[in-house]
Every structure is written in structure tokens, then in C-alpha cells.
Protein backbone atom coordinates (compact mmCIF):
# COMPACT_ATOMS: atom_id res chain seq x y z
CA MET A 1 145.60 1.41 29.70
CA THR A 2 142.49 1.93 28.13
CA SER A 3 141.37 5.46 26.08
CA PRO A 4 138.79 7.67 27.64
CA ALA A 5 137.19 7.00 24.65
CA ALA A 6 137.01 3.31 25.19
CA SER A 7 136.02 3.66 29.00
CA LEU A 8 133.13 5.66 27.79
CA ARG A 9 132.24 3.07 25.41
CA GLY A 10 132.28 0.41 27.91
CA GLY A 11 130.09 2.16 30.07
CA ALA A 12 128.02 3.08 27.66
CA VAL A 13 127.34 -0.44 26.04
CA GLY A 14 127.13 -2.07 29.56
CA ALA A 15 124.17 0.86 30.45
CA LEU A 16 122.30 1.25 27.30
CA THR A 17 122.04 -2.99 26.37
CA VAL A 18 120.13 -3.34 29.80
CA THR A 19 118.16 -0.64 29.17
CA LEU A 20 116.94 -1.58 25.68
CA ALA A 21 116.97 -5.08 26.26
CA VAL A 22 113.96 -4.40 29.05
CA ALA A 23 112.72 -1.69 26.53
CA ALA A 24 112.93 -4.35 23.86
CA HIS A 25 111.63 -7.30 26.25
CA GLY A 26 108.45 -5.40 27.30
CA VAL A 27 107.15 -4.33 24.47
CA ALA A 28 107.25 -7.79 22.48
CA GLY A 29 105.08 -8.45 25.60
CA GLY A 30 107.83 -9.75 28.23
CA GLY A 31 107.53 -8.14 31.89
CA TYR A 32 109.50 -5.77 33.55
CA PRO A 33 112.10 -7.04 36.23
CA THR A 34 111.93 -7.54 39.49
CA GLY A 35 114.55 -8.79 42.38
CA SER A 36 116.91 -11.18 41.06
CA ALA A 37 116.18 -10.09 37.08
CA THR A 38 117.79 -6.56 38.54
CA VAL A 39 121.16 -8.18 39.81
CA PHE A 40 121.35 -10.77 36.69
CA LEU A 41 120.94 -7.18 34.68
CA LEU A 42 123.74 -5.79 36.73
CA ILE A 43 125.98 -8.76 36.27
CA VAL A 44 125.23 -8.67 32.40
CA ALA A 45 125.83 -4.79 32.00
CA VAL A 46 129.08 -4.26 34.04
CA GLY A 47 130.36 -7.87 32.03
CA VAL A 48 129.66 -6.56 28.93
CA GLY A 49 130.58 -3.31 29.28
CA ALA A 50 133.68 -4.52 30.46
CA ILE A 51 134.65 -7.01 27.21
CA ALA A 52 133.48 -3.34 25.02
CA SER A 53 135.80 -1.10 26.52
CA MET A 54 138.81 -3.17 25.70
CA PRO A 55 141.31 -1.14 23.12
CA SER A 56 139.40 -1.00 19.72
CA PRO A 57 140.06 -2.32 16.59
CA ARG A 58 141.31 0.65 13.93
CA SER A 59 138.97 0.28 11.03
CA TRP A 60 135.40 1.63 11.42
CA ARG A 61 133.63 -1.47 10.22
CA SER A 62 136.06 -4.15 12.83
CA GLN A 63 134.90 -1.72 15.84
CA PHE A 64 130.71 -1.41 14.48
CA ALA A 65 131.30 -5.38 14.16
CA ALA A 66 132.84 -5.96 18.01
CA VAL A 67 130.40 -3.49 19.30
CA SER A 68 127.48 -4.54 17.94
CA GLY A 69 128.77 -8.44 18.64
CA GLY A 70 129.53 -6.69 22.19
CA LEU A 71 125.60 -5.33 22.30
CA VAL A 72 123.56 -8.84 20.55
CA LEU A 73 125.67 -10.81 23.38
CA GLY A 74 124.54 -8.94 25.70
CA GLN A 75 120.95 -8.90 24.77
CA SER A 76 120.91 -12.63 24.67
CA ALA A 77 122.64 -12.92 28.16
CA SER A 78 120.02 -9.89 29.44
CA HIS A 79 116.66 -11.87 28.15
CA ILE A 80 117.84 -14.81 29.53
CA ALA A 81 118.45 -12.77 32.91
CA LEU A 82 114.79 -11.33 32.53
CA ALA A 83 113.50 -15.07 31.76
CA ILE A 84 115.19 -16.83 34.80
CA GLY A 85 114.83 -13.40 36.77
CA ASN A 86 110.77 -13.35 36.88
CA PRO A 87 109.85 -16.98 38.22
CA ILE A 88 105.93 -15.33 37.55
CA GLU A 89 106.92 -15.21 33.79
CA MET A 90 108.93 -18.68 34.10
CA MET A 91 105.16 -20.65 35.80
CA HIS A 92 103.33 -19.02 32.81
CA GLY A 93 105.08 -20.73 29.89
CA HIS A 94 107.66 -17.28 29.16
CA SER A 95 110.14 -19.71 27.91
CA ILE A 96 113.94 -18.46 27.82
CA VAL A 97 114.04 -18.87 23.72
CA PRO A 98 112.42 -15.64 22.80
CA SER A 99 110.04 -15.15 20.02
CA ALA A 100 110.21 -14.02 16.84
CA THR A 101 109.16 -10.95 17.51
CA MET A 102 111.21 -10.29 20.50
CA ILE A 103 114.14 -11.33 18.23
CA GLY A 104 113.56 -8.93 16.44
CA PHE A 105 113.28 -6.15 18.67
CA HIS A 106 116.57 -7.47 20.53
CA LEU A 107 118.33 -7.11 17.23
CA ALA A 108 116.57 -4.19 16.09
CA ALA A 109 117.89 -2.54 19.17
CA SER A 110 121.32 -3.85 18.82
CA ALA A 111 121.90 -2.25 15.40
CA ALA A 112 120.40 0.91 16.79
CA THR A 113 122.69 1.07 19.70
CA ALA A 114 125.92 0.00 17.71
CA VAL A 115 125.22 2.85 15.50
CA LEU A 116 124.88 5.12 18.01
CA VAL A 117 127.62 4.54 19.97
CA CYS A 118 130.13 4.00 16.88
CA VAL A 119 129.33 7.65 15.97
CA ALA A 120 129.35 8.76 19.78
CA GLU A 121 132.95 7.66 19.94
CA ALA A 122 134.52 9.19 16.19
CA LEU A 123 132.95 12.39 17.68
CA TYR A 124 134.55 12.48 21.19
CA GLY A 125 137.89 13.52 19.97
CA PRO A 126 136.67 16.49 17.63
CA ILE A 127 134.13 17.43 20.53
CA THR A 128 136.57 17.44 23.68
CA SER A 129 139.41 19.62 21.70
CA ILE A 130 136.60 21.95 20.83
CA VAL A 131 135.60 21.98 24.65
CA ARG A 132 139.34 21.80 25.61
CA ALA A 133 139.78 24.92 23.80
CA VAL A 134 136.67 27.07 24.97
CA LEU A 135 137.45 26.27 28.88
CA ASP A 136 141.04 26.39 28.94
CA PRO A 137 141.77 30.05 30.21
CA PRO A 138 143.60 32.18 28.40
CA LEU A 139 147.48 32.35 27.81
CA PRO A 140 149.27 34.92 29.86
CA LEU A 141 150.40 37.97 28.59
CA PRO A 142 154.05 38.15 28.98
CA GLY A 143 155.26 40.45 31.77
CA ILE A 144 156.15 44.03 30.82
CA THR A 145 160.07 44.86 32.11
CA THR A 146 160.21 48.42 33.44
CA GLY A 147 163.08 50.84 31.73
CA PRO A 148 165.77 52.55 33.45
CA PHE A 149 163.13 55.55 35.27
CA PHE A 150 161.48 55.47 38.25
CA VAL A 151 157.91 56.06 39.17
CA GLY A 152 156.79 57.04 42.26
CA ILE A 153 159.52 57.37 44.48
CA SER A 154 159.51 59.58 46.76
CA GLU A 155 161.18 62.72 47.51
CA LYS A 156 163.39 61.04 50.57
CA SER A 157 164.25 57.88 48.73
CA SER A 158 164.99 60.04 46.10
CA LEU A 159 167.60 61.79 48.21
CA GLN A 160 168.99 58.65 49.22
CA PHE A 161 169.46 57.27 45.88
CA PHE A 162 171.49 60.25 44.78
CA GLY A 163 173.33 60.34 47.95
CA THR A 164 175.10 56.90 47.12
CA SER A 165 175.07 57.62 43.96
CA ILE A 166 177.73 60.51 44.31
CA SER A 167 181.11 59.62 44.75
CA ARG A 168 182.78 60.69 48.03
CA ARG A 169 186.36 60.28 46.15
CA GLY A 170 188.07 63.64 46.33
CA PRO A 171 191.66 64.18 44.00
CA PRO A 172 194.91 61.92 45.59
CA VAL A 173 196.61 63.38 48.70
CA SER A 174 200.35 64.74 47.89
CA VAL A 175 202.79 62.97 50.20
């Protein structure tokens, strides 16, 4: 079972991979996704997110390497999905192999996103503990025990109380 932070990491990596791939692809001169390219991108997002949600390594460097590797893999798969999924670009000479500018944008987007995801995961524990401390209801006060006195007893009930407390036993009967 994965931790909540790992599940959030997987969802963030999957969503950000596709978002940044579309943005980097568009800035570098590629087109925006249409019908089949959107389906391909959704498949890439789910696959990369599932891989990234696996239990994380212990050290920050190895975690950063795993997240950035997943993001670079997702960027390249997203680029291929965008290139194949848009037949108009394929007809106008947009190849599956990206240009140097597009590779640069994809790598820059991957590096920036990897840093942000790793920092967000490192801050997940402290932030959620503060939120839990603020939002949890306060502990109830201990119950107040009453002493041997009674407050608010009516006259009738006090007569019954004293009537049952008087002993009916008299002196011993002589034989």
C-alpha cells in the first residue's frame, strides 16, 4: 500500500507531465492536442502517474532522480502522442523526433516540475500535521462529579428522601 503522499505524487506527476508537455510542445511550435492526441495523452498521464506513485526511495536525491526520470519519460511519450495524434502536423512534416528547441523546453519543464513535486512531497507531512492540529475538535473537559449534596430537590422529594432514611426499627420486644 502506498502512502497518501505517494498517491498525490503520482497524480501530480501524471497531470503535470501532460500539462507541461502540451505547453512546451505549443511554445516550441507544435500544435495543441486534438481528438486522438488527447486520448493518447490521457493514457500517458495514467501510466506515468501510476509509475510515479510507487513507494519512494529514502534519500531525496534518489527520489528526485526517480521523479525527474518519470517526468522525462512522460514528456517524450507525450511528445510522441502529440505528434502521432495530430495527422495535420504529420502531413506538414512534423516528425516524431523533436527539434532541439522542443527538447530544451521539454527538459526544462521536466526539471522544474521535478523540483516542485519533490519539495511539495517533503512539505506534505508538516503541513498536514498543522492543518490537523487546527481543524481537529478540542478534547472534551473531564466530567464534573457532584458531592454528597443535592441541588434543586423539591420539598416532596426531600420528604421522601428523609422518610426513607429514618429507621423504623424500635427497641427489642421483651418476651
